[in-house]
Amino acid sequence: MSRTVAHPLLAAAIVKARFAKIGKLGDPGFRVVFRGTLRDLGVTEPEVDRYLEENREEVEAALSGA
């Protein structure tokens, strides 16, 4: 069964922001998870970083469940 993510950049930004929030961006486990996320969603880390910078409020709202 194939699934698509409506907004891949938002999804990847949420993953990165969540790991950042718990202080794990330098963790090897983060790199493994994040690389897989990027691959699966078809986006690049620079795209995600740019999206995160430009849409931080949206990402933070998604993290808090708002």
N, C-alpha and C. Protein backbone atom coordinates (compact mmCIF):
# COMPACT_ATOMS: atom_id res chain seq x y z
N MET A 1 0.84 -1.17 0.00
CA MET A 1 0.00 0.00 0.00
C MET A 1 0.89 1.24 0.00
N SER A 2 0.65 2.15 -0.91
CA SER A 2 1.44 3.36 -1.04
C SER A 2 0.80 4.50 -0.25
N ARG A 3 1.63 5.20 0.50
CA ARG A 3 1.14 6.36 1.24
C ARG A 3 1.87 7.59 0.74
N THR A 4 1.18 8.72 0.72
CA THR A 4 1.83 9.97 0.38
C THR A 4 1.65 10.94 1.54
N VAL A 5 2.61 11.80 1.68
CA VAL A 5 2.56 12.83 2.71
C VAL A 5 2.12 14.11 2.01
N ALA A 6 1.09 14.75 2.55
CA ALA A 6 0.54 15.94 1.92
C ALA A 6 1.57 17.06 1.83
N HIS A 7 2.40 17.20 2.83
CA HIS A 7 3.38 18.28 2.83
C HIS A 7 4.72 17.74 3.35
N PRO A 8 5.53 17.18 2.44
CA PRO A 8 6.77 16.52 2.86
C PRO A 8 7.74 17.45 3.58
N LEU A 9 7.84 18.72 3.17
CA LEU A 9 8.77 19.61 3.85
C LEU A 9 8.33 19.87 5.29
N LEU A 10 7.04 20.01 5.50
CA LEU A 10 6.54 20.20 6.86
C LEU A 10 6.84 18.96 7.70
N ALA A 11 6.59 17.79 7.15
CA ALA A 11 6.82 16.55 7.89
C ALA A 11 8.29 16.41 8.28
N ALA A 12 9.19 16.67 7.34
CA ALA A 12 10.62 16.56 7.64
C ALA A 12 11.05 17.64 8.63
N ALA A 13 10.50 18.83 8.51
CA ALA A 13 10.84 19.91 9.45
C ALA A 13 10.37 19.56 10.86
N ILE A 14 9.24 18.91 10.98
CA ILE A 14 8.75 18.48 12.29
C ILE A 14 9.71 17.48 12.91
N VAL A 15 10.18 16.54 12.11
CA VAL A 15 11.14 15.55 12.62
C VAL A 15 12.39 16.25 13.13
N LYS A 16 12.93 17.15 12.33
CA LYS A 16 14.17 17.84 12.72
C LYS A 16 13.93 18.72 13.95
N ALA A 17 12.83 19.44 13.97
CA ALA A 17 12.54 20.32 15.10
C ALA A 17 12.33 19.53 16.39
N ARG A 18 11.73 18.37 16.29
CA ARG A 18 11.51 17.53 17.48
C ARG A 18 12.84 17.06 18.06
N PHE A 19 13.73 16.61 17.20
CA PHE A 19 15.04 16.18 17.69
C PHE A 19 15.81 17.37 18.26
N ALA A 20 15.69 18.54 17.63
CA ALA A 20 16.36 19.74 18.14
C ALA A 20 15.82 20.10 19.52
N LYS A 21 14.52 19.98 19.68
CA LYS A 21 13.88 20.35 20.94
C LYS A 21 14.39 19.49 22.11
N ILE A 22 14.72 18.26 21.83
CA ILE A 22 15.20 17.38 22.90
C ILE A 22 16.74 17.30 22.92
N GLY A 23 17.39 18.17 22.13
CA GLY A 23 18.84 18.24 22.13
C GLY A 23 19.56 17.06 21.52
N LYS A 24 18.98 16.46 20.51
CA LYS A 24 19.56 15.25 19.93
C LYS A 24 20.02 15.40 18.48
N LEU A 25 20.19 16.63 17.99
CA LEU A 25 20.61 16.79 16.59
C LEU A 25 21.98 16.20 16.33
N GLY A 26 22.84 16.13 17.33
CA GLY A 26 24.17 15.55 17.15
C GLY A 26 24.21 14.05 17.35
N ASP A 27 23.10 13.48 17.69
CA ASP A 27 23.01 12.05 17.96
C ASP A 27 23.07 11.24 16.67
N PRO A 28 23.85 10.15 16.64
CA PRO A 28 23.89 9.31 15.43
C PRO A 28 22.51 8.77 15.06
N GLY A 29 21.69 8.48 16.05
CA GLY A 29 20.34 7.98 15.78
C GLY A 29 19.51 8.99 15.01
N PHE A 30 19.68 10.28 15.33
CA PHE A 30 18.97 11.32 14.59
C PHE A 30 19.36 11.28 13.13
N ARG A 31 20.68 11.19 12.86
CA ARG A 31 21.14 11.20 11.47
C ARG A 31 20.52 10.05 10.69
N VAL A 32 20.45 8.88 11.29
CA VAL A 32 19.88 7.72 10.61
C VAL A 32 18.40 7.96 10.31
N VAL A 33 17.67 8.39 11.33
CA VAL A 33 16.24 8.64 11.15
C VAL A 33 16.01 9.76 10.14
N PHE A 34 16.77 10.83 10.28
CA PHE A 34 16.54 11.99 9.41
C PHE A 34 16.91 11.70 7.96
N ARG A 35 18.02 11.00 7.74
CA ARG A 35 18.38 10.63 6.36
C ARG A 35 17.29 9.77 5.71
N GLY A 36 16.75 8.85 6.49
CA GLY A 36 15.65 8.03 5.97
C GLY A 36 14.42 8.85 5.68
N THR A 37 14.14 9.82 6.55
CA THR A 37 13.00 10.71 6.35
C THR A 37 13.18 11.51 5.06
N LEU A 38 14.37 12.08 4.88
CA LEU A 38 14.64 12.85 3.67
C LEU A 38 14.46 11.98 2.42
N ARG A 39 15.02 10.80 2.47
CA ARG A 39 14.92 9.88 1.32
C ARG A 39 13.47 9.52 1.03
N ASP A 40 12.75 9.11 2.07
CA ASP A 40 11.37 8.68 1.90
C ASP A 40 10.46 9.80 1.40
N LEU A 41 10.74 11.02 1.83
CA LEU A 41 9.88 12.15 1.46
C LEU A 41 10.35 12.86 0.20
N GLY A 42 11.56 12.52 -0.26
CA GLY A 42 12.07 13.11 -1.50
C GLY A 42 12.44 14.58 -1.37
N VAL A 43 12.98 14.96 -0.21
CA VAL A 43 13.41 16.34 0.01
C VAL A 43 14.86 16.33 0.47
N THR A 44 15.49 17.51 0.46
CA THR A 44 16.88 17.63 0.89
C THR A 44 16.95 18.39 2.21
N GLU A 45 18.05 18.21 2.91
CA GLU A 45 18.22 18.91 4.18
C GLU A 45 18.23 20.44 4.01
N PRO A 46 18.90 20.99 2.98
CA PRO A 46 18.81 22.44 2.80
C PRO A 46 17.38 22.94 2.58
N GLU A 47 16.59 22.16 1.85
CA GLU A 47 15.18 22.53 1.65
C GLU A 47 14.43 22.54 2.98
N VAL A 48 14.70 21.53 3.80
CA VAL A 48 14.04 21.42 5.11
C VAL A 48 14.47 22.58 6.00
N ASP A 49 15.75 22.88 6.01
CA ASP A 49 16.25 23.99 6.84
C ASP A 49 15.62 25.31 6.43
N ARG A 50 15.53 25.54 5.13
CA ARG A 50 14.91 26.77 4.62
C ARG A 50 13.43 26.82 5.01
N TYR A 51 12.75 25.69 4.85
CA TYR A 51 11.33 25.64 5.23
C TYR A 51 11.16 25.92 6.72
N LEU A 52 12.02 25.33 7.52
CA LEU A 52 11.95 25.51 8.97
C LEU A 52 12.17 26.98 9.35
N GLU A 53 13.12 27.63 8.71
CA GLU A 53 13.37 29.05 8.97
C GLU A 53 12.16 29.91 8.60
N GLU A 54 11.56 29.61 7.47
CA GLU A 54 10.47 30.44 6.95
C GLU A 54 9.12 30.12 7.57
N ASN A 55 8.99 28.97 8.22
CA ASN A 55 7.68 28.52 8.72
C ASN A 55 7.77 27.99 10.15
N ARG A 56 8.64 28.57 10.94
CA ARG A 56 8.88 28.07 12.29
C ARG A 56 7.59 28.01 13.12
N GLU A 57 6.74 29.02 13.01
CA GLU A 57 5.50 29.03 13.80
C GLU A 57 4.61 27.83 13.45
N GLU A 58 4.48 27.53 12.17
CA GLU A 58 3.67 26.40 11.74
C GLU A 58 4.25 25.08 12.28
N VAL A 59 5.57 24.95 12.21
CA VAL A 59 6.22 23.74 12.69
C VAL A 59 6.04 23.61 14.21
N GLU A 60 6.25 24.69 14.93
CA GLU A 60 6.08 24.67 16.38
C GLU A 60 4.64 24.33 16.76
N ALA A 61 3.68 24.87 16.02
CA ALA A 61 2.28 24.56 16.28
C ALA A 61 2.00 23.08 16.05
N ALA A 62 2.57 22.53 15.02
CA ALA A 62 2.39 21.10 14.74
C ALA A 62 3.02 20.26 15.85
N LEU A 63 4.17 20.69 16.35
CA LEU A 63 4.83 19.95 17.44
C LEU A 63 4.01 19.97 18.72
N SER A 64 3.34 21.08 18.97
CA SER A 64 2.56 21.20 20.20
C SER A 64 1.15 20.64 20.04
N GLY A 65 0.82 20.20 18.83
CA GLY A 65 -0.50 19.62 18.60
C GLY A 65 -1.59 20.65 18.40
N ALA A 66 -1.21 21.90 18.16
CA ALA A 66 -2.21 22.97 17.95
C ALA A 66 -2.81 22.89 16.57
